[in-house]
Amino acid sequence: MGQRQLVVLARVLLMDPAVIILDEATASVDPLTEALIQEGLDEVLRDRTAVVVAHRLSTVRHADRIVVLRAGRSIEQGDHESLTAAGGHYASCTTPTSGTRVWSTSSAGRRSGGTVSYFDPWLDDNPTTTVSRDQVDAADIVLATHGHADHIGDSYELCKRTGAAFISHYELCEVAKAVGLSESTLLPLNPGGSVTVADVEVTMTQAHHSHSLSDHVLPHPLPEGVLYHTGGVTAGFVMAYDNGLISQMYRPQVAILPVGGKFTMGVREGARAASLVRADLVIPCHYSEALGQPADIAELARQVEFLSPGTAVVPLEPGQSVVYTASSYEVSASA
């Protein structure tokens, strides 16, 4: 990863041009390779005029002049210091608002353009959630990533109550049919497959984790990660897998990463995953002191800041929500 960019930079040095145009020169590479490429760029750009197109702010922060584009139009111009001080769109990308929560994927109800989605909805008997099953009066999508009781949770009951589509891998859809869900509401997937419901496209990826239900035999050995596309934004719930590939193919702007260790990735692995996914926003999940899976979120934020500059870590408390729009976000107060 990154070898092609380094070879191209070497060729540029040999050609010795007066003007260089770079388009996403450090896209889809890991932090160590990015550092190598950046060192190469520093050498290549010395005493030359360069036009650099980039989403990663670390690539352009030392530029003499930065032009911020939005919807194809220039909305700000200046250097890094002046744009940051101005408090506009560029500053919102470099200085993330603080905020906290953990609705995580286990009991998260998300509304997108009128579509209500629940990911691994463990509501009743969940010591951290602020929503009970009886309080859910509408749902369009219920998505289950794997067959653990705290992730299946209230999925089947919510589908029965609301008529929501149930999206999961084939084997869990077979279990859902066995417990009484209408076959017309089942949307089975395998890794790499996608399905669209209303304004939402769901793509399933592979994930490394365990997978079982005590009262059903599930021959499929692995759970799934999920990519959720709507309104030009892609959000992902991903575990240790080829996150660099996910970044290259889908460019998720929001990543929900389990970081509690023991049963999922820990802080160290989560930070590395964040550096590969390169989302604007990382929401940590699947951690709780009370449940024996503590996580040092401040340390996670420190490591992510080092490995993936420009990625904000936004933990959420029960009852909070985050609204993400065009590389900026706002966190609600607790409910």
Protein backbone atom coordinates (compact mmCIF):
# COMPACT_ATOMS: atom_id res chain seq x y z
CA MET A 1 0.00 0.00 0.00
CA GLY A 2 1.47 3.35 -1.02
CA GLN A 3 4.27 1.96 -3.20
CA ARG A 4 2.66 3.35 -6.35
CA GLN A 5 2.50 6.86 -4.87
CA LEU A 6 6.16 6.69 -3.82
CA VAL A 7 7.22 5.53 -7.30
CA VAL A 8 5.25 8.38 -8.91
CA LEU A 9 6.93 10.91 -6.61
CA ALA A 10 10.34 9.52 -7.58
CA ARG A 11 9.44 9.95 -11.26
CA VAL A 12 8.38 13.54 -10.59
CA LEU A 13 11.79 14.24 -9.04
CA LEU A 14 13.49 12.90 -12.17
CA MET A 15 11.29 15.02 -14.47
CA ASP A 16 11.93 18.15 -12.35
CA PRO A 17 8.74 20.02 -13.38
CA ALA A 18 8.04 23.62 -12.40
CA VAL A 19 4.36 22.94 -11.62
CA ILE A 20 2.91 19.81 -9.97
CA ILE A 21 -0.75 18.78 -9.61
CA LEU A 22 -1.50 16.19 -6.89
CA ASP A 23 -4.93 14.58 -6.50
CA GLU A 24 -5.44 12.66 -3.21
CA ALA A 25 -1.75 11.76 -3.01
CA THR A 26 -2.13 10.07 0.40
CA ALA A 27 -5.55 8.49 -0.08
CA SER A 28 -6.21 4.96 1.23
CA VAL A 29 -2.84 4.36 2.89
CA ASP A 30 -1.92 3.53 6.47
CA PRO A 31 -0.37 6.18 8.74
CA LEU A 32 3.20 4.93 8.42
CA THR A 33 3.04 4.92 4.62
CA GLU A 34 1.37 8.34 4.69
CA ALA A 35 4.30 9.66 6.71
CA LEU A 36 6.71 8.31 4.07
CA ILE A 37 4.68 9.86 1.27
CA GLN A 38 4.50 13.17 3.13
CA GLU A 39 8.28 13.18 3.51
CA GLY A 40 8.54 12.55 -0.22
CA LEU A 41 6.08 15.36 -0.92
CA ASP A 42 8.09 17.79 1.18
CA GLU A 43 11.11 17.07 -1.02
CA VAL A 44 9.18 17.11 -4.31
CA LEU A 45 7.34 20.37 -3.59
CA ARG A 46 10.39 22.34 -2.50
CA ASP A 47 10.87 25.42 -4.75
CA ARG A 48 7.97 24.40 -6.98
CA THR A 49 4.39 25.52 -7.54
CA ALA A 50 1.90 22.82 -6.51
CA VAL A 51 -1.87 22.42 -6.78
CA VAL A 52 -2.97 19.81 -4.23
CA VAL A 53 -6.46 18.28 -4.13
CA ALA A 54 -7.06 16.52 -0.80
CA HIS A 55 -9.61 15.55 1.82
CA ARG A 56 -6.97 14.84 4.47
CA LEU A 57 -6.13 18.11 6.14
CA SER A 58 -2.68 16.85 7.11
CA THR A 59 -1.79 16.95 3.40
CA VAL A 60 -2.59 20.65 2.94
CA ARG A 61 -2.14 22.28 6.34
CA HIS A 62 1.31 23.66 5.38
CA ALA A 63 0.12 25.11 2.07
CA ASP A 64 0.59 28.84 1.47
CA ARG A 65 -3.01 29.14 0.30
CA ILE A 66 -5.93 26.80 0.95
CA VAL A 67 -9.17 27.02 -1.04
CA VAL A 68 -12.11 25.27 0.65
CA LEU A 69 -14.67 23.86 -1.80
CA ARG A 70 -18.23 22.85 -0.96
CA ALA A 71 -20.76 21.69 -3.56
CA GLY A 72 -18.31 22.76 -6.27
CA ARG A 73 -17.94 26.35 -5.04
CA SER A 74 -15.18 28.14 -3.15
CA ILE A 75 -16.44 29.10 0.30
CA GLU A 76 -13.18 30.02 2.11
CA GLN A 77 -9.59 30.92 1.29
CA GLY A 78 -6.48 31.46 3.41
CA ASP A 79 -3.70 29.55 5.13
CA HIS A 80 -4.22 26.96 7.88
CA GLU A 81 -3.85 29.42 10.75
CA SER A 82 -6.18 32.09 9.35
CA LEU A 83 -8.86 29.60 8.31
CA THR A 84 -8.76 27.89 11.70
CA ALA A 85 -9.05 31.25 13.48
CA ALA A 86 -11.99 32.29 11.25
CA GLY A 87 -14.16 29.54 12.72
CA GLY A 88 -15.78 28.57 9.42
CA HIS A 89 -16.18 25.25 7.62
CA TYR A 90 -12.44 24.53 7.52
CA ALA A 91 -12.18 25.15 11.27
CA SER A 92 -15.10 22.75 11.92
CA CYS A 93 -13.10 20.02 10.17
CA THR A 94 -9.91 20.69 12.14
CA THR A 95 -11.29 21.44 15.59
CA PRO A 96 -14.02 18.92 16.39
CA THR A 97 -16.75 19.76 18.89
CA SER A 98 -16.53 17.67 22.07
CA GLY A 99 -19.37 15.38 23.04
CA THR A 100 -20.06 11.98 24.53
CA ARG A 101 -22.36 8.91 24.39
CA VAL A 102 -22.79 5.05 24.04
CA TRP A 103 -26.05 4.03 22.46
CA SER A 104 -23.60 2.02 20.42
CA THR A 105 -24.87 -0.56 18.00
CA SER A 106 -26.60 -2.44 20.77
CA SER A 107 -29.85 -0.47 20.89
CA ALA A 108 -29.19 2.36 18.48
CA GLY A 109 -32.22 3.72 16.69
CA ARG A 110 -31.18 6.02 13.87
CA ARG A 111 -33.35 8.24 11.68
CA SER A 112 -32.13 9.09 8.20
CA GLY A 113 -34.22 11.12 5.79
CA GLY A 114 -37.41 9.75 7.36
CA THR A 115 -36.13 6.15 7.55
CA VAL A 116 -35.91 4.74 11.09
CA SER A 117 -33.25 2.05 11.55
CA TYR A 118 -32.29 -0.06 14.56
CA PHE A 119 -28.88 -1.75 14.73
CA ASP A 120 -28.57 -4.77 17.05
CA PRO A 121 -31.41 -3.40 19.23
CA TRP A 122 -30.93 -4.74 22.75
CA LEU A 123 -33.45 -2.58 24.61
CA ASP A 124 -35.22 -4.47 27.39
CA ASP A 125 -32.95 -5.70 30.21
CA ASN A 126 -30.08 -3.58 28.88
CA PRO A 127 -28.53 -1.76 31.88
CA THR A 128 -27.32 1.17 29.74
CA THR A 129 -30.12 1.97 27.30
CA THR A 130 -32.67 4.74 27.86
CA VAL A 131 -35.30 3.24 25.54
CA SER A 132 -37.53 0.24 26.20
CA ARG A 133 -39.01 -2.01 23.54
CA ASP A 134 -42.53 -0.76 24.27
CA GLN A 135 -41.45 2.81 23.51
CA VAL A 136 -40.61 1.97 19.89
CA ASP A 137 -43.64 2.80 17.77
CA ALA A 138 -42.01 2.94 14.32
CA ALA A 139 -39.13 1.24 12.53
CA ASP A 140 -38.33 0.68 8.87
CA ILE A 141 -35.15 -1.39 9.24
CA VAL A 142 -33.92 -3.74 11.97
CA LEU A 143 -30.39 -4.92 11.31
CA ALA A 144 -28.68 -7.75 13.21
CA THR A 145 -24.93 -8.25 12.74
CA HIS A 146 -24.59 -11.63 14.45
CA GLY A 147 -26.16 -14.24 16.65
CA HIS A 148 -25.26 -13.17 20.17
CA ALA A 149 -28.15 -12.53 22.53
CA ASP A 150 -27.05 -8.95 23.31
CA HIS A 151 -27.05 -8.15 19.58
CA ILE A 152 -30.17 -10.02 18.52
CA GLY A 153 -31.81 -8.47 21.58
CA ASP A 154 -35.31 -7.28 20.66
CA SER A 155 -34.83 -7.51 16.89
CA TYR A 156 -37.56 -10.06 16.24
CA GLU A 157 -40.11 -8.37 18.51
CA LEU A 158 -39.49 -4.96 16.95
CA CYS A 159 -40.05 -6.41 13.47
CA LYS A 160 -43.29 -8.06 14.61
CA ARG A 161 -44.51 -4.83 16.24
CA THR A 162 -43.59 -2.43 13.46
CA GLY A 163 -43.41 -4.52 10.28
CA ALA A 164 -39.79 -3.41 9.78
CA ALA A 165 -37.55 -5.19 7.31
CA PHE A 166 -35.11 -7.57 9.03
CA ILE A 167 -31.64 -7.44 7.47
CA SER A 168 -28.97 -9.95 8.45
CA HIS A 169 -27.00 -12.83 6.98
CA TYR A 170 -28.87 -15.77 5.53
CA GLU A 171 -28.69 -18.04 8.56
CA LEU A 172 -30.09 -15.48 11.00
CA CYS A 173 -32.89 -14.73 8.56
CA GLU A 174 -33.73 -18.44 8.65
CA VAL A 175 -33.87 -18.27 12.46
CA ALA A 176 -36.07 -15.16 12.22
CA LYS A 177 -38.46 -17.07 9.97
CA ALA A 178 -38.51 -19.95 12.46
CA VAL A 179 -39.55 -17.65 15.32
CA GLY A 180 -42.45 -16.18 13.36
CA LEU A 181 -41.26 -13.30 11.21
CA SER A 182 -42.97 -13.00 7.84
CA GLU A 183 -40.76 -14.15 5.00
CA SER A 184 -41.72 -11.03 3.07
CA THR A 185 -39.91 -8.87 5.65
CA LEU A 186 -36.63 -10.84 5.56
CA LEU A 187 -33.70 -9.48 3.55
CA PRO A 188 -30.79 -11.93 3.82
CA LEU A 189 -27.26 -10.95 2.77
CA ASN A 190 -23.79 -12.42 2.57
CA PRO A 191 -20.51 -10.48 2.76
CA GLY A 192 -20.17 -8.16 -0.23
CA GLY A 193 -23.90 -8.09 -0.87
CA SER A 194 -26.13 -5.02 -0.67
CA VAL A 195 -29.83 -4.32 -0.32
CA THR A 196 -31.83 -1.07 -0.51
CA VAL A 197 -34.78 -0.11 1.69
CA ALA A 198 -36.34 3.29 0.97
CA ASP A 199 -33.45 5.80 0.89
CA VAL A 200 -30.96 3.49 2.59
CA GLU A 201 -28.51 1.03 1.05
CA VAL A 202 -26.99 -1.56 3.40
CA THR A 203 -23.78 -3.37 2.42
CA MET A 204 -22.51 -6.31 4.45
CA THR A 205 -18.81 -6.93 5.07
CA GLN A 206 -16.90 -9.66 6.85
CA ALA A 207 -15.95 -9.30 10.52
CA HIS A 208 -13.85 -11.38 12.92
CA HIS A 209 -15.86 -12.29 16.01
CA SER A 210 -17.71 -15.28 17.47
CA HIS A 211 -21.26 -16.18 16.56
CA SER A 212 -23.83 -18.41 18.29
CA LEU A 213 -27.32 -18.73 19.74
CA SER A 214 -28.03 -21.19 22.54
CA ASP A 215 -31.37 -22.35 21.10
CA HIS A 216 -30.51 -22.44 17.37
CA VAL A 217 -27.76 -24.02 15.32
CA LEU A 218 -25.99 -21.44 13.18
CA PRO A 219 -23.64 -23.06 10.65
CA HIS A 220 -22.32 -19.71 9.42
CA PRO A 221 -19.18 -19.15 11.56
CA LEU A 222 -18.67 -15.40 11.34
CA PRO A 223 -20.70 -12.27 12.08
CA GLU A 224 -20.85 -9.36 9.69
CA GLY A 225 -19.80 -5.76 9.61
CA VAL A 226 -22.25 -3.27 8.13
CA LEU A 227 -21.99 -0.24 5.85
CA TYR A 228 -25.01 2.06 5.80
CA HIS A 229 -25.32 4.46 2.84
CA THR A 230 -27.86 7.28 2.69
CA GLY A 231 -28.03 10.89 1.55
CA GLY A 232 -24.42 10.88 0.33
CA VAL A 233 -23.13 9.72 3.74
CA THR A 234 -21.73 6.29 4.57
CA ALA A 235 -21.60 5.02 8.16
CA GLY A 236 -20.03 1.72 9.16
CA PHE A 237 -20.02 -0.70 12.09
CA VAL A 238 -16.76 -2.57 11.59
CA MET A 239 -14.53 -4.89 13.60
CA ALA A 240 -10.98 -6.08 12.94
CA TYR A 241 -11.00 -6.86 9.21
CA ASP A 242 -9.42 -5.32 6.14
CA ASN A 243 -10.42 -1.79 7.10
CA GLY A 244 -8.05 -0.35 4.51
CA LEU A 245 -10.11 -2.09 1.81
CA ILE A 246 -13.32 -0.73 3.34
CA SER A 247 -11.81 2.76 3.18
CA GLN A 248 -10.82 2.38 -0.46
CA MET A 249 -14.15 0.96 -1.61
CA TYR A 250 -16.69 2.86 0.49
CA ARG A 251 -14.97 5.85 2.16
CA PRO A 252 -17.22 5.84 5.25
CA GLN A 253 -17.55 9.24 6.90
CA VAL A 254 -18.71 7.78 10.22
CA ALA A 255 -17.28 4.62 11.81
CA ILE A 256 -18.75 2.86 14.87
CA LEU A 257 -15.89 0.86 16.39
CA PRO A 258 -16.07 -1.62 19.31
CA VAL A 259 -13.16 -0.90 21.66
CA GLY A 260 -13.91 -2.71 24.93
CA GLY A 261 -11.29 -5.43 24.48
CA LYS A 262 -11.80 -9.02 25.68
CA PHE A 263 -14.73 -9.78 23.33
CA THR A 264 -13.89 -7.19 20.64
CA MET A 265 -11.04 -4.94 19.60
CA GLY A 266 -9.42 -2.89 22.34
CA VAL A 267 -8.27 0.71 22.35
CA ARG A 268 -5.01 -0.03 20.52
CA GLU A 269 -6.70 -2.06 17.80
CA GLY A 270 -9.57 0.43 17.55
CA ALA A 271 -7.15 3.30 17.00
CA ARG A 272 -5.38 1.35 14.26
CA ALA A 273 -8.73 0.51 12.64
CA ALA A 274 -9.65 4.20 12.73
CA SER A 275 -6.38 5.07 10.98
CA LEU A 276 -7.21 2.63 8.18
CA VAL A 277 -10.88 3.54 7.79
CA ARG A 278 -10.09 7.29 7.85
CA ALA A 279 -13.63 8.37 8.72
CA ASP A 280 -14.39 11.93 9.81
CA LEU A 281 -16.07 10.62 12.94
CA VAL A 282 -15.36 7.58 15.14
CA ILE A 283 -18.02 6.57 17.66
CA PRO A 284 -16.62 3.99 20.13
CA CYS A 285 -18.99 1.26 21.29
CA HIS A 286 -19.13 -2.14 23.04
CA TYR A 287 -17.39 -0.95 26.21
CA SER A 288 -18.66 -0.54 29.76
CA GLU A 289 -17.03 -0.56 33.17
CA ALA A 290 -20.18 -2.11 34.64
CA LEU A 291 -20.13 -4.96 32.11
CA GLY A 292 -16.44 -5.73 32.59
CA GLN A 293 -15.26 -4.17 29.34
CA PRO A 294 -13.72 -0.83 30.35
CA ALA A 295 -12.00 1.34 27.76
CA ASP A 296 -9.80 4.40 28.15
CA ILE A 297 -11.54 6.66 25.63
CA ALA A 298 -9.16 9.55 26.29
CA GLU A 299 -6.29 7.25 25.30
CA LEU A 300 -8.25 6.16 22.22
CA ALA A 301 -8.68 9.80 21.23
CA ARG A 302 -4.96 10.45 21.77
CA GLN A 303 -3.93 7.52 19.58
CA VAL A 304 -6.46 8.36 16.86
CA GLU A 305 -5.27 11.97 16.80
CA PHE A 306 -1.71 10.72 16.25
CA LEU A 307 -2.55 8.02 13.71
CA SER A 308 -5.38 9.73 11.84
CA PRO A 309 -5.29 13.55 12.09
CA GLY A 310 -8.68 14.99 11.25
CA THR A 311 -10.65 12.05 12.67
CA ALA A 312 -12.75 13.03 15.70
CA VAL A 313 -13.50 10.51 18.45
CA VAL A 314 -17.02 11.09 19.77
CA PRO A 315 -18.12 8.80 22.61
CA LEU A 316 -21.81 9.08 23.46
CA GLU A 317 -23.65 8.68 26.77
CA PRO A 318 -27.01 6.83 26.89
CA GLY A 319 -29.72 9.08 25.52
CA GLN A 320 -27.43 11.29 23.44
CA SER A 321 -27.37 11.44 19.66
CA VAL A 322 -25.05 12.84 17.03
CA VAL A 323 -26.10 14.57 13.82
CA TYR A 324 -23.50 14.39 11.06
CA THR A 325 -23.70 16.64 8.00
CA ALA A 326 -21.01 17.35 5.39
CA SER A 327 -17.93 16.78 7.55
CA SER A 328 -19.37 18.52 10.62
CA TYR A 329 -21.41 17.15 13.50
CA GLU A 330 -23.39 18.13 16.56
CA VAL A 331 -23.90 16.07 19.71
CA SER A 332 -27.14 16.39 21.66
CA ALA A 333 -27.45 16.77 25.43
CA SER A 334 -28.43 13.64 27.37
CA ALA A 335 -32.10 12.73 27.18
